[in-house]
Amino acid sequence: MPVVLIASVILTYGQGFSNLNFESAYDLPANPDSEGELVSVTYALPDWTADGGAPAIYYGSNTLEHTQGATLEGGTLALSGDFSAALYDGGSISQTGLVPANAESLYFEAYIASAADFAITLGGQKLSYSLISQGPNYVDEYAANIPAAMDDESETLDFSCEGVGSGGVLLDDIQFSPSATPEPGEMALIGLGAVLFYMSKRRKQSGADNEDG
């Protein structure tokens, strides 16, 4: 098995959180009306809890007419891919997962209305965030520092929004910074992958030499 594949598996499963780009939505209405339609959180935001455990949220396509709660936005409003999560006055989404070892920052794309009181907490601790780059169509990239004590710990990640009217927060592509140094277990897997890859090449070469002989 190629080493690159093994390293990719390590980074994918090491993150411990799921559906951070909100692209896992399924069984959504094909043409939601302009105000949006109620959809099960299970369908719209798999792996997330919304609005304190509400069973359903709004799904809207090409609209920003919601005034409260958490919604799933599609169409041209999605910051990346097909869907983005939207938070309005009182809206929140959260999930619990394993914080990657040696993670230092949490990156995310967002459109944050000027009136929005947007907050991020990890393990109950509020994270400060800052704008690191501005993109077209209000797609900006932000970063928040992660306390070192939370590395490799199971914590709840929560995004919430208060104090907005017709504005809100669009959120997408949440990522933990990759580990700066592989853990010992990861190094062992990478080493095993290198050995298997080398042995595979040797067998192929041996077989070719036998055919030539």
N, C-alpha and C. Protein backbone atom coordinates (compact mmCIF):
# COMPACT_ATOMS: atom_id res chain seq x y z
N MET A 1 0.85 -1.20 0.00
CA MET A 1 0.00 0.00 0.00
C MET A 1 0.88 1.24 0.00
N PRO A 2 0.68 2.20 -0.90
CA PRO A 2 1.53 3.38 -0.97
C PRO A 2 1.49 4.16 0.33
N VAL A 3 2.64 4.77 0.66
CA VAL A 3 2.75 5.55 1.89
C VAL A 3 1.78 6.71 1.89
N VAL A 4 1.60 7.35 0.72
CA VAL A 4 0.71 8.51 0.64
C VAL A 4 -0.70 8.16 1.09
N LEU A 5 -1.18 6.98 0.70
CA LEU A 5 -2.51 6.56 1.07
C LEU A 5 -2.63 6.40 2.58
N ILE A 6 -1.61 5.77 3.20
CA ILE A 6 -1.64 5.57 4.64
C ILE A 6 -1.65 6.90 5.36
N ALA A 7 -0.82 7.86 4.93
CA ALA A 7 -0.78 9.18 5.56
C ALA A 7 -2.12 9.86 5.43
N SER A 8 -2.79 9.70 4.27
CA SER A 8 -4.10 10.31 4.06
C SER A 8 -5.13 9.75 5.02
N VAL A 9 -5.09 8.43 5.24
CA VAL A 9 -6.01 7.79 6.17
C VAL A 9 -5.80 8.32 7.58
N ILE A 10 -4.53 8.50 7.97
CA ILE A 10 -4.22 9.00 9.31
C ILE A 10 -4.82 10.38 9.52
N LEU A 11 -4.64 11.28 8.55
CA LEU A 11 -5.14 12.63 8.72
C LEU A 11 -6.66 12.67 8.70
N THR A 12 -7.29 11.82 7.88
CA THR A 12 -8.74 11.82 7.79
C THR A 12 -9.37 11.34 9.09
N TYR A 13 -8.91 10.22 9.61
CA TYR A 13 -9.55 9.65 10.79
C TYR A 13 -9.03 10.27 12.08
N GLY A 14 -7.87 10.93 12.02
CA GLY A 14 -7.33 11.56 13.21
C GLY A 14 -8.11 12.79 13.64
N GLN A 15 -8.94 13.32 12.74
CA GLN A 15 -9.61 14.57 13.06
C GLN A 15 -10.69 14.39 14.11
N GLY A 16 -11.43 13.29 14.07
CA GLY A 16 -12.37 13.01 15.15
C GLY A 16 -13.71 13.70 15.04
N PHE A 17 -13.89 14.64 14.11
CA PHE A 17 -15.17 15.30 13.87
C PHE A 17 -15.61 14.98 12.44
N SER A 18 -16.92 15.08 12.18
CA SER A 18 -17.45 14.69 10.88
C SER A 18 -18.32 15.79 10.28
N ASN A 19 -18.46 15.73 8.95
CA ASN A 19 -19.32 16.65 8.21
C ASN A 19 -19.00 18.11 8.52
N LEU A 20 -17.72 18.44 8.52
CA LEU A 20 -17.31 19.81 8.81
C LEU A 20 -17.47 20.74 7.61
N ASN A 21 -17.80 20.18 6.44
CA ASN A 21 -18.09 21.02 5.27
C ASN A 21 -19.57 21.02 4.92
N PHE A 22 -20.39 20.33 5.73
CA PHE A 22 -21.85 20.31 5.59
C PHE A 22 -22.34 19.70 4.28
N GLU A 23 -21.50 18.89 3.64
CA GLU A 23 -21.87 18.30 2.36
C GLU A 23 -22.55 16.94 2.50
N SER A 24 -22.80 16.48 3.73
CA SER A 24 -23.40 15.16 3.94
C SER A 24 -24.92 15.20 3.99
N ALA A 25 -25.52 16.34 3.72
CA ALA A 25 -26.98 16.46 3.75
C ALA A 25 -27.62 15.53 2.72
N TYR A 26 -28.80 15.00 3.06
CA TYR A 26 -29.50 14.10 2.13
C TYR A 26 -31.01 14.18 2.36
N ASP A 27 -31.78 13.65 1.41
CA ASP A 27 -33.25 13.64 1.47
C ASP A 27 -33.82 15.04 1.73
N LEU A 28 -33.30 16.02 1.00
CA LEU A 28 -33.78 17.39 1.14
C LEU A 28 -34.85 17.68 0.09
N PRO A 29 -35.76 18.63 0.35
CA PRO A 29 -36.76 19.00 -0.66
C PRO A 29 -36.08 19.57 -1.90
N ALA A 30 -36.56 19.19 -3.06
CA ALA A 30 -35.91 19.62 -4.31
C ALA A 30 -36.05 21.12 -4.54
N ASN A 31 -37.21 21.67 -4.18
CA ASN A 31 -37.46 23.09 -4.42
C ASN A 31 -38.10 23.73 -3.20
N PRO A 32 -37.32 24.03 -2.18
CA PRO A 32 -37.89 24.66 -0.98
C PRO A 32 -38.45 26.03 -1.32
N ASP A 33 -39.51 26.44 -0.62
CA ASP A 33 -40.09 27.75 -0.92
C ASP A 33 -39.17 28.86 -0.42
N SER A 34 -39.53 30.10 -0.68
CA SER A 34 -38.64 31.23 -0.40
C SER A 34 -38.34 31.38 1.08
N GLU A 35 -39.23 30.89 1.95
CA GLU A 35 -39.00 30.98 3.39
C GLU A 35 -38.27 29.75 3.94
N GLY A 36 -38.03 28.79 3.08
CA GLY A 36 -37.40 27.57 3.54
C GLY A 36 -38.42 26.57 4.05
N GLU A 37 -37.99 25.34 4.25
CA GLU A 37 -38.87 24.29 4.75
C GLU A 37 -38.20 23.56 5.89
N LEU A 38 -39.01 23.10 6.83
CA LEU A 38 -38.46 22.35 7.96
C LEU A 38 -37.95 20.99 7.50
N VAL A 39 -36.73 20.68 7.89
CA VAL A 39 -36.10 19.41 7.55
C VAL A 39 -35.47 18.83 8.81
N SER A 40 -35.52 17.53 8.95
CA SER A 40 -34.89 16.88 10.09
C SER A 40 -33.41 17.25 10.17
N VAL A 41 -32.92 17.52 11.37
CA VAL A 41 -31.50 17.81 11.56
C VAL A 41 -30.67 16.62 11.10
N THR A 42 -31.19 15.42 11.29
CA THR A 42 -30.48 14.21 10.87
C THR A 42 -30.20 14.23 9.38
N TYR A 43 -31.16 14.71 8.60
CA TYR A 43 -30.99 14.77 7.15
C TYR A 43 -30.16 15.98 6.72
N ALA A 44 -30.42 17.12 7.31
CA ALA A 44 -29.80 18.37 6.87
C ALA A 44 -28.39 18.56 7.41
N LEU A 45 -28.17 18.18 8.66
CA LEU A 45 -26.86 18.39 9.30
C LEU A 45 -26.41 17.12 10.02
N PRO A 46 -26.17 16.05 9.28
CA PRO A 46 -25.70 14.82 9.93
C PRO A 46 -24.49 15.09 10.82
N ASP A 47 -24.46 14.43 11.97
CA ASP A 47 -23.38 14.50 12.96
C ASP A 47 -23.40 15.77 13.80
N TRP A 48 -24.29 16.71 13.50
CA TRP A 48 -24.40 17.93 14.28
C TRP A 48 -25.68 17.94 15.10
N THR A 49 -25.67 18.65 16.20
CA THR A 49 -26.87 18.98 16.97
C THR A 49 -27.14 20.46 16.74
N ALA A 50 -28.38 20.81 16.46
CA ALA A 50 -28.72 22.20 16.15
C ALA A 50 -29.70 22.76 17.16
N ASP A 51 -29.50 24.03 17.51
CA ASP A 51 -30.45 24.76 18.36
C ASP A 51 -30.80 24.00 19.63
N GLY A 52 -29.81 23.49 20.32
CA GLY A 52 -30.07 22.84 21.59
C GLY A 52 -30.83 21.54 21.49
N GLY A 53 -30.74 20.88 20.35
CA GLY A 53 -31.39 19.58 20.21
C GLY A 53 -32.71 19.61 19.48
N ALA A 54 -33.01 20.73 18.78
CA ALA A 54 -34.25 20.80 18.00
C ALA A 54 -34.29 19.67 16.98
N PRO A 55 -35.45 19.02 16.78
CA PRO A 55 -35.52 17.89 15.84
C PRO A 55 -35.47 18.30 14.38
N ALA A 56 -35.75 19.58 14.09
CA ALA A 56 -35.78 20.03 12.70
C ALA A 56 -35.22 21.44 12.58
N ILE A 57 -34.68 21.76 11.39
CA ILE A 57 -34.20 23.10 11.09
C ILE A 57 -34.74 23.51 9.73
N TYR A 58 -34.53 24.76 9.36
CA TYR A 58 -34.95 25.22 8.04
C TYR A 58 -33.90 24.90 7.01
N TYR A 59 -34.35 24.47 5.84
CA TYR A 59 -33.48 24.36 4.68
C TYR A 59 -33.96 25.35 3.64
N GLY A 60 -33.09 26.26 3.24
CA GLY A 60 -33.46 27.26 2.25
C GLY A 60 -32.47 27.28 1.11
N SER A 61 -32.95 27.55 -0.08
CA SER A 61 -32.10 27.65 -1.25
C SER A 61 -32.19 29.06 -1.82
N ASN A 62 -31.04 29.71 -1.95
CA ASN A 62 -30.97 31.06 -2.52
C ASN A 62 -31.79 32.08 -1.74
N THR A 63 -31.77 31.99 -0.44
CA THR A 63 -32.51 32.96 0.36
C THR A 63 -31.78 33.25 1.66
N LEU A 64 -31.94 34.46 2.17
CA LEU A 64 -31.41 34.84 3.47
C LEU A 64 -32.52 35.47 4.29
N GLU A 65 -33.73 34.95 4.18
CA GLU A 65 -34.89 35.58 4.81
C GLU A 65 -35.16 35.08 6.21
N HIS A 66 -34.41 34.09 6.69
CA HIS A 66 -34.63 33.58 8.03
C HIS A 66 -34.15 34.60 9.05
N THR A 67 -34.77 34.65 10.21
CA THR A 67 -34.40 35.63 11.22
C THR A 67 -33.92 35.00 12.52
N GLN A 68 -34.09 33.69 12.68
CA GLN A 68 -33.60 33.06 13.89
C GLN A 68 -33.35 31.58 13.66
N GLY A 69 -32.54 31.00 14.55
CA GLY A 69 -32.27 29.56 14.48
C GLY A 69 -31.11 29.22 13.59
N ALA A 70 -30.94 27.92 13.36
CA ALA A 70 -29.89 27.39 12.48
C ALA A 70 -30.55 26.83 11.23
N THR A 71 -29.95 27.07 10.09
CA THR A 71 -30.51 26.58 8.84
C THR A 71 -29.40 25.97 7.99
N LEU A 72 -29.81 25.29 6.94
CA LEU A 72 -28.89 24.79 5.93
C LEU A 72 -29.17 25.56 4.66
N GLU A 73 -28.16 26.24 4.13
CA GLU A 73 -28.34 27.03 2.92
C GLU A 73 -27.71 26.34 1.73
N GLY A 74 -28.41 26.36 0.60
CA GLY A 74 -27.90 25.77 -0.63
C GLY A 74 -27.89 26.78 -1.75
N GLY A 75 -27.75 26.29 -2.96
CA GLY A 75 -27.76 27.17 -4.12
C GLY A 75 -26.59 28.13 -4.13
N THR A 76 -26.81 29.35 -4.61
CA THR A 76 -25.73 30.32 -4.74
C THR A 76 -25.28 30.87 -3.40
N LEU A 77 -26.01 30.60 -2.32
CA LEU A 77 -25.62 31.10 -1.01
C LEU A 77 -24.55 30.25 -0.34
N ALA A 78 -24.37 29.03 -0.80
CA ALA A 78 -23.35 28.17 -0.19
C ALA A 78 -21.97 28.77 -0.42
N LEU A 79 -21.18 28.85 0.64
CA LEU A 79 -19.84 29.42 0.51
C LEU A 79 -18.93 28.51 -0.29
N SER A 80 -19.03 27.20 -0.02
CA SER A 80 -18.24 26.21 -0.75
C SER A 80 -19.10 24.98 -0.97
N GLY A 81 -18.89 24.30 -2.09
CA GLY A 81 -19.68 23.09 -2.35
C GLY A 81 -21.14 23.41 -2.54
N ASP A 82 -22.00 22.46 -2.13
CA ASP A 82 -23.44 22.61 -2.32
C ASP A 82 -24.16 23.22 -1.13
N PHE A 83 -23.56 23.13 0.07
CA PHE A 83 -24.27 23.57 1.27
C PHE A 83 -23.35 24.31 2.24
N SER A 84 -23.97 25.21 3.00
CA SER A 84 -23.32 25.89 4.13
C SER A 84 -24.31 25.92 5.28
N ALA A 85 -23.81 25.98 6.49
CA ALA A 85 -24.68 26.17 7.66
C ALA A 85 -24.86 27.66 7.88
N ALA A 86 -26.08 28.06 8.23
CA ALA A 86 -26.38 29.46 8.51
C ALA A 86 -26.91 29.59 9.92
N LEU A 87 -26.41 30.57 10.65
CA LEU A 87 -26.84 30.82 12.02
C LEU A 87 -27.45 32.21 12.10
N TYR A 88 -28.62 32.29 12.71
CA TYR A 88 -29.30 33.57 12.91
C TYR A 88 -29.51 33.76 14.40
N ASP A 89 -30.26 34.76 14.78
CA ASP A 89 -30.42 35.12 16.18
C ASP A 89 -30.85 33.91 17.01
N GLY A 90 -29.98 33.47 17.93
CA GLY A 90 -30.29 32.32 18.77
C GLY A 90 -29.91 30.99 18.17
N GLY A 91 -29.34 30.99 16.97
CA GLY A 91 -28.99 29.74 16.31
C GLY A 91 -27.66 29.18 16.79
N SER A 92 -27.57 27.86 16.85
CA SER A 92 -26.31 27.22 17.24
C SER A 92 -26.25 25.81 16.66
N ILE A 93 -25.04 25.36 16.41
CA ILE A 93 -24.79 23.97 16.01
C ILE A 93 -23.60 23.48 16.81
N SER A 94 -23.61 22.19 17.14
CA SER A 94 -22.51 21.63 17.93
C SER A 94 -22.35 20.15 17.65
N GLN A 95 -21.15 19.64 17.93
CA GLN A 95 -20.91 18.21 17.92
C GLN A 95 -19.70 17.92 18.80
N THR A 96 -19.62 16.67 19.25
CA THR A 96 -18.53 16.25 20.12
C THR A 96 -17.61 15.30 19.37
N GLY A 97 -16.31 15.52 19.47
CA GLY A 97 -15.35 14.68 18.78
C GLY A 97 -13.99 14.77 19.43
N LEU A 98 -13.04 14.04 18.86
CA LEU A 98 -11.69 14.02 19.38
C LEU A 98 -10.86 15.11 18.71
N VAL A 99 -10.33 16.01 19.52
CA VAL A 99 -9.46 17.07 18.99
C VAL A 99 -8.15 16.42 18.53
N PRO A 100 -7.70 16.68 17.32
CA PRO A 100 -6.47 16.05 16.84
C PRO A 100 -5.27 16.38 17.72
N ALA A 101 -4.39 15.42 17.87
CA ALA A 101 -3.15 15.67 18.61
C ALA A 101 -2.34 16.75 17.92
N ASN A 102 -1.79 17.66 18.69
CA ASN A 102 -0.95 18.75 18.19
C ASN A 102 -1.70 19.77 17.35
N ALA A 103 -3.03 19.76 17.38
CA ALA A 103 -3.79 20.78 16.66
C ALA A 103 -3.58 22.12 17.34
N GLU A 104 -3.31 23.14 16.54
CA GLU A 104 -3.05 24.46 17.09
C GLU A 104 -4.14 25.46 16.75
N SER A 105 -4.81 25.27 15.62
CA SER A 105 -5.80 26.25 15.17
C SER A 105 -7.00 25.57 14.55
N LEU A 106 -8.09 26.30 14.55
CA LEU A 106 -9.31 25.88 13.88
C LEU A 106 -9.57 26.89 12.77
N TYR A 107 -9.60 26.41 11.54
CA TYR A 107 -9.84 27.28 10.39
C TYR A 107 -11.26 27.09 9.89
N PHE A 108 -11.86 28.16 9.37
CA PHE A 108 -13.20 28.05 8.80
C PHE A 108 -13.46 29.20 7.85
N GLU A 109 -14.36 28.96 6.89
CA GLU A 109 -14.84 30.02 6.01
C GLU A 109 -16.13 30.57 6.59
N ALA A 110 -16.36 31.86 6.43
CA ALA A 110 -17.57 32.44 6.99
C ALA A 110 -17.90 33.77 6.35
N TYR A 111 -19.19 34.06 6.33
CA TYR A 111 -19.67 35.42 6.12
C TYR A 111 -20.33 35.82 7.43
N ILE A 112 -19.83 36.86 8.07
CA ILE A 112 -20.34 37.29 9.37
C ILE A 112 -20.91 38.69 9.24
N ALA A 113 -22.23 38.82 9.41
CA ALA A 113 -22.87 40.13 9.32
C ALA A 113 -22.34 41.04 10.42
N SER A 114 -22.31 42.31 10.14
CA SER A 114 -21.72 43.26 11.09
C SER A 114 -22.44 43.28 12.43
N ALA A 115 -23.74 42.95 12.44
CA ALA A 115 -24.51 42.99 13.69
C ALA A 115 -24.47 41.66 14.45
N ALA A 116 -23.78 40.69 13.90
CA ALA A 116 -23.81 39.36 14.50
C ALA A 116 -22.86 39.25 15.69
N ASP A 117 -23.35 38.66 16.76
CA ASP A 117 -22.51 38.30 17.90
C ASP A 117 -22.21 36.82 17.76
N PHE A 118 -21.13 36.51 17.06
CA PHE A 118 -20.78 35.14 16.69
C PHE A 118 -19.77 34.60 17.68
N ALA A 119 -20.02 33.39 18.18
CA ALA A 119 -19.13 32.81 19.20
C ALA A 119 -18.79 31.37 18.86
N ILE A 120 -17.56 30.97 19.20
CA ILE A 120 -17.08 29.60 19.04
C ILE A 120 -16.60 29.12 20.40
N THR A 121 -17.07 27.95 20.81
CA THR A 121 -16.55 27.37 22.04
C THR A 121 -16.07 25.96 21.77
N LEU A 122 -15.04 25.55 22.47
CA LEU A 122 -14.51 24.20 22.40
C LEU A 122 -14.29 23.73 23.82
N GLY A 123 -14.96 22.64 24.18
CA GLY A 123 -14.87 22.16 25.55
C GLY A 123 -15.38 23.17 26.56
N GLY A 124 -16.37 23.98 26.13
CA GLY A 124 -16.94 24.99 27.02
C GLY A 124 -16.12 26.26 27.13
N GLN A 125 -14.98 26.30 26.46
CA GLN A 125 -14.10 27.48 26.51
C GLN A 125 -14.24 28.30 25.24
N LYS A 126 -14.52 29.58 25.39
CA LYS A 126 -14.70 30.44 24.23
C LYS A 126 -13.37 30.67 23.53
N LEU A 127 -13.38 30.49 22.19
CA LEU A 127 -12.17 30.68 21.40
C LEU A 127 -12.19 32.05 20.73
N SER A 128 -11.09 32.74 20.79
CA SER A 128 -10.97 33.99 20.04
C SER A 128 -10.62 33.66 18.60
N TYR A 129 -11.18 34.40 17.67
CA TYR A 129 -10.91 34.14 16.26
C TYR A 129 -10.55 35.45 15.57
N SER A 130 -9.88 35.33 14.43
CA SER A 130 -9.49 36.51 13.69
C SER A 130 -9.56 36.24 12.20
N LEU A 131 -9.76 37.30 11.44
CA LEU A 131 -9.80 37.22 9.99
C LEU A 131 -8.39 37.06 9.46
N ILE A 132 -8.17 36.03 8.61
CA ILE A 132 -6.82 35.84 8.08
C ILE A 132 -6.75 36.10 6.58
N SER A 133 -7.89 36.04 5.88
CA SER A 133 -7.89 36.38 4.46
C SER A 133 -9.31 36.70 4.01
N GLN A 134 -9.42 37.60 3.05
CA GLN A 134 -10.71 37.97 2.48
C GLN A 134 -10.78 37.47 1.05
N GLY A 135 -11.93 36.87 0.71
CA GLY A 135 -12.12 36.33 -0.62
C GLY A 135 -13.29 36.98 -1.32
N PRO A 136 -13.56 36.60 -2.56
CA PRO A 136 -14.69 37.16 -3.30
C PRO A 136 -16.02 36.66 -2.75
N ASN A 137 -17.08 37.40 -3.02
CA ASN A 137 -18.44 37.02 -2.63
C ASN A 137 -18.58 36.82 -1.12
N TYR A 138 -17.86 37.64 -0.35
CA TYR A 138 -17.95 37.62 1.12
C TYR A 138 -17.45 36.31 1.74
N VAL A 139 -16.69 35.52 0.99
CA VAL A 139 -16.16 34.28 1.53
C VAL A 139 -14.82 34.59 2.19
N ASP A 140 -14.82 34.79 3.49
CA ASP A 140 -13.62 35.13 4.23
C ASP A 140 -13.14 33.92 5.03
N GLU A 141 -11.85 33.87 5.30
CA GLU A 141 -11.28 32.77 6.07
C GLU A 141 -10.84 33.28 7.44
N TYR A 142 -11.20 32.52 8.46
CA TYR A 142 -10.90 32.88 9.84
C TYR A 142 -10.10 31.76 10.50
N ALA A 143 -9.44 32.10 11.59
CA ALA A 143 -8.70 31.11 12.38
C ALA A 143 -8.91 31.39 13.86
N ALA A 144 -9.03 30.32 14.64
CA ALA A 144 -9.15 30.43 16.09
C ALA A 144 -8.10 29.54 16.73
N ASN A 145 -7.46 30.04 17.78
CA ASN A 145 -6.44 29.26 18.47
C ASN A 145 -7.08 28.19 19.35
N ILE A 146 -6.46 27.01 19.40
CA ILE A 146 -6.94 25.90 20.22
C ILE A 146 -6.00 25.71 21.41
N PRO A 147 -6.51 25.71 22.64
CA PRO A 147 -5.64 25.47 23.80
C PRO A 147 -4.93 24.12 23.71
N ALA A 148 -3.65 24.10 24.03
CA ALA A 148 -2.86 22.87 23.92
C ALA A 148 -3.41 21.76 24.82
N ALA A 149 -4.04 22.13 25.92
CA ALA A 149 -4.56 21.12 26.86
C ALA A 149 -5.68 20.29 26.25
N MET A 150 -6.27 20.75 25.13
CA MET A 150 -7.39 20.04 24.52
C MET A 150 -6.93 19.04 23.47
N ASP A 151 -5.65 19.04 23.14
CA ASP A 151 -5.13 18.10 22.14
C ASP A 151 -5.44 16.66 22.54
N ASP A 152 -5.96 15.91 21.58
CA ASP A 152 -6.22 14.48 21.78
C ASP A 152 -7.26 14.23 22.86
N GLU A 153 -8.12 15.21 23.10
CA GLU A 153 -9.20 15.07 24.09
C GLU A 153 -10.55 15.13 23.38
N SER A 154 -11.55 14.45 23.94
CA SER A 154 -12.91 14.51 23.41
C SER A 154 -13.57 15.78 23.94
N GLU A 155 -13.95 16.68 23.03
CA GLU A 155 -14.51 17.97 23.41
C GLU A 155 -15.71 18.29 22.52
N THR A 156 -16.57 19.18 23.00
CA THR A 156 -17.71 19.64 22.22
C THR A 156 -17.37 20.95 21.53
N LEU A 157 -17.56 20.98 20.22
CA LEU A 157 -17.33 22.17 19.41
C LEU A 157 -18.68 22.81 19.13
N ASP A 158 -18.81 24.10 19.42
CA ASP A 158 -20.09 24.79 19.29
C ASP A 158 -19.91 26.13 18.58
N PHE A 159 -20.81 26.39 17.63
CA PHE A 159 -20.87 27.69 16.95
C PHE A 159 -22.24 28.29 17.24
N SER A 160 -22.28 29.55 17.64
CA SER A 160 -23.56 30.17 17.97
C SER A 160 -23.59 31.62 17.52
N CYS A 161 -24.80 32.14 17.39
CA CYS A 161 -24.98 33.51 16.90
C CYS A 161 -26.13 34.17 17.66
N GLU A 162 -25.90 35.38 18.11
CA GLU A 162 -26.92 36.16 18.81
C GLU A 162 -26.95 37.58 18.25
N GLY A 163 -28.04 38.27 18.51
CA GLY A 163 -28.11 39.70 18.27
C GLY A 163 -28.10 40.15 16.83
N VAL A 164 -28.78 39.43 15.96
CA VAL A 164 -28.86 39.87 14.57
C VAL A 164 -30.31 39.97 14.14
N GLY A 165 -30.56 40.77 13.12
CA GLY A 165 -31.90 40.86 12.56
C GLY A 165 -31.98 40.03 11.31
N SER A 166 -31.91 40.70 10.16
CA SER A 166 -32.01 39.98 8.89
C SER A 166 -30.65 39.47 8.41
N GLY A 167 -29.55 39.81 9.16
CA GLY A 167 -28.25 39.31 8.78
C GLY A 167 -28.02 37.93 9.35
N GLY A 168 -26.80 37.58 9.59
CA GLY A 168 -26.51 36.28 10.18
C GLY A 168 -25.09 35.87 9.88
N VAL A 169 -24.84 34.59 10.04
CA VAL A 169 -23.51 34.03 9.80
C VAL A 169 -23.64 32.82 8.90
N LEU A 170 -22.90 32.81 7.81
CA LEU A 170 -22.78 31.62 6.97
C LEU A 170 -21.44 30.97 7.31
N LEU A 171 -21.46 29.66 7.47
CA LEU A 171 -20.30 28.93 7.97
C LEU A 171 -20.01 27.73 7.08
N ASP A 172 -18.72 27.49 6.79
CA ASP A 172 -18.38 26.37 5.91
C ASP A 172 -16.92 25.96 6.10
N ASP A 173 -16.60 24.77 5.62
CA ASP A 173 -15.23 24.24 5.53
C ASP A 173 -14.43 24.44 6.82
N ILE A 174 -14.91 23.85 7.90
CA ILE A 174 -14.21 23.91 9.19
C ILE A 174 -13.08 22.88 9.16
N GLN A 175 -11.88 23.28 9.57
CA GLN A 175 -10.73 22.37 9.55
C GLN A 175 -9.85 22.62 10.76
N PHE A 176 -9.36 21.53 11.34
CA PHE A 176 -8.33 21.64 12.35
C PHE A 176 -6.98 21.68 11.64
N SER A 177 -6.05 22.48 12.20
CA SER A 177 -4.71 22.50 11.61
C SER A 177 -4.09 21.12 11.74
N PRO A 178 -3.37 20.67 10.73
CA PRO A 178 -2.75 19.33 10.79
C PRO A 178 -1.69 19.28 11.88
N SER A 179 -1.44 18.09 12.38
CA SER A 179 -0.41 17.91 13.40
C SER A 179 0.95 18.32 12.86
N ALA A 180 1.70 19.05 13.65
CA ALA A 180 3.02 19.48 13.22
C ALA A 180 3.99 18.30 13.17
N THR A 181 3.84 17.36 14.11
CA THR A 181 4.71 16.18 14.18
C THR A 181 3.85 14.94 14.34
N PRO A 182 4.02 13.91 13.51
CA PRO A 182 3.22 12.70 13.67
C PRO A 182 3.42 12.06 15.03
N GLU A 183 2.35 11.51 15.56
CA GLU A 183 2.43 10.78 16.82
C GLU A 183 3.20 9.47 16.60
N PRO A 184 3.74 8.86 17.69
CA PRO A 184 4.48 7.59 17.53
C PRO A 184 3.69 6.52 16.81
N GLY A 185 2.40 6.40 17.10
CA GLY A 185 1.59 5.40 16.42
C GLY A 185 1.46 5.69 14.94
N GLU A 186 1.36 6.98 14.60
CA GLU A 186 1.27 7.36 13.20
C GLU A 186 2.58 7.06 12.48
N MET A 187 3.71 7.33 13.16
CA MET A 187 5.01 7.03 12.56
C MET A 187 5.16 5.54 12.29
N ALA A 188 4.63 4.71 13.21
CA ALA A 188 4.72 3.26 13.02
C ALA A 188 3.94 2.83 11.79
N LEU A 189 2.74 3.42 11.61
CA LEU A 189 1.93 3.08 10.44
C LEU A 189 2.61 3.52 9.15
N ILE A 190 3.18 4.73 9.19
CA ILE A 190 3.88 5.21 8.00
C ILE A 190 5.06 4.30 7.67
N GLY A 191 5.81 3.89 8.72
CA GLY A 191 6.94 2.99 8.50
C GLY A 191 6.50 1.66 7.94
N LEU A 192 5.39 1.12 8.47
CA LEU A 192 4.86 -0.14 7.97
C LEU A 192 4.46 0.00 6.51
N GLY A 193 3.87 1.12 6.17
CA GLY A 193 3.47 1.35 4.79
C GLY A 193 4.68 1.38 3.86
N ALA A 194 5.76 2.01 4.33
CA ALA A 194 6.97 2.09 3.51
C ALA A 194 7.55 0.69 3.28
N VAL A 195 7.54 -0.14 4.33
CA VAL A 195 8.07 -1.51 4.21
C VAL A 195 7.22 -2.31 3.22
N LEU A 196 5.90 -2.24 3.36
CA LEU A 196 5.01 -2.98 2.45
C LEU A 196 5.17 -2.52 1.01
N PHE A 197 5.31 -1.22 0.84
CA PHE A 197 5.47 -0.67 -0.51
C PHE A 197 6.78 -1.18 -1.12
N TYR A 198 7.86 -1.19 -0.31
CA TYR A 198 9.16 -1.66 -0.78
C TYR A 198 9.10 -3.14 -1.14
N MET A 199 8.44 -3.95 -0.28
CA MET A 199 8.35 -5.39 -0.54
C MET A 199 7.55 -5.65 -1.80
N SER A 200 6.49 -4.86 -2.01
CA SER A 200 5.68 -5.03 -3.21
C SER A 200 6.51 -4.76 -4.46
N LYS A 201 7.32 -3.72 -4.43
CA LYS A 201 8.16 -3.41 -5.58
C LYS A 201 9.19 -4.52 -5.82
N ARG A 202 9.76 -5.08 -4.72
CA ARG A 202 10.74 -6.15 -4.85
C ARG A 202 10.13 -7.38 -5.49
N ARG A 203 8.89 -7.72 -5.07
CA ARG A 203 8.22 -8.90 -5.64
C ARG A 203 7.97 -8.71 -7.14
N LYS A 204 7.54 -7.49 -7.51
CA LYS A 204 7.28 -7.23 -8.92
C LYS A 204 8.57 -7.33 -9.73
N GLN A 205 9.64 -6.78 -9.16
CA GLN A 205 10.92 -6.82 -9.86
C GLN A 205 11.43 -8.25 -9.99
N SER A 206 11.25 -9.04 -8.91
CA SER A 206 11.68 -10.44 -8.94
C SER A 206 10.92 -11.22 -9.99
N GLY A 207 9.60 -10.96 -10.07
CA GLY A 207 8.79 -11.65 -11.06
C GLY A 207 9.22 -11.30 -12.47
N ALA A 208 9.58 -10.06 -12.69
CA ALA A 208 10.03 -9.63 -14.03
C ALA A 208 11.35 -10.28 -14.38
N ASP A 209 12.25 -10.38 -13.40
CA ASP A 209 13.55 -11.02 -13.66
C ASP A 209 13.37 -12.50 -14.00
N ASN A 210 12.44 -13.18 -13.32
CA ASN A 210 12.21 -14.62 -13.58
C ASN A 210 11.68 -14.81 -14.98
N GLU A 211 10.78 -13.88 -15.41
CA GLU A 211 10.24 -14.01 -16.76
C GLU A 211 11.34 -13.81 -17.80
N ASP A 212 12.25 -12.86 -17.52
CA ASP A 212 13.34 -12.61 -18.47
C ASP A 212 14.29 -13.81 -18.53
N GLY A 213 14.48 -14.49 -17.35
CA GLY A 213 15.39 -15.63 -17.31
C GLY A 213 14.80 -16.82 -18.04
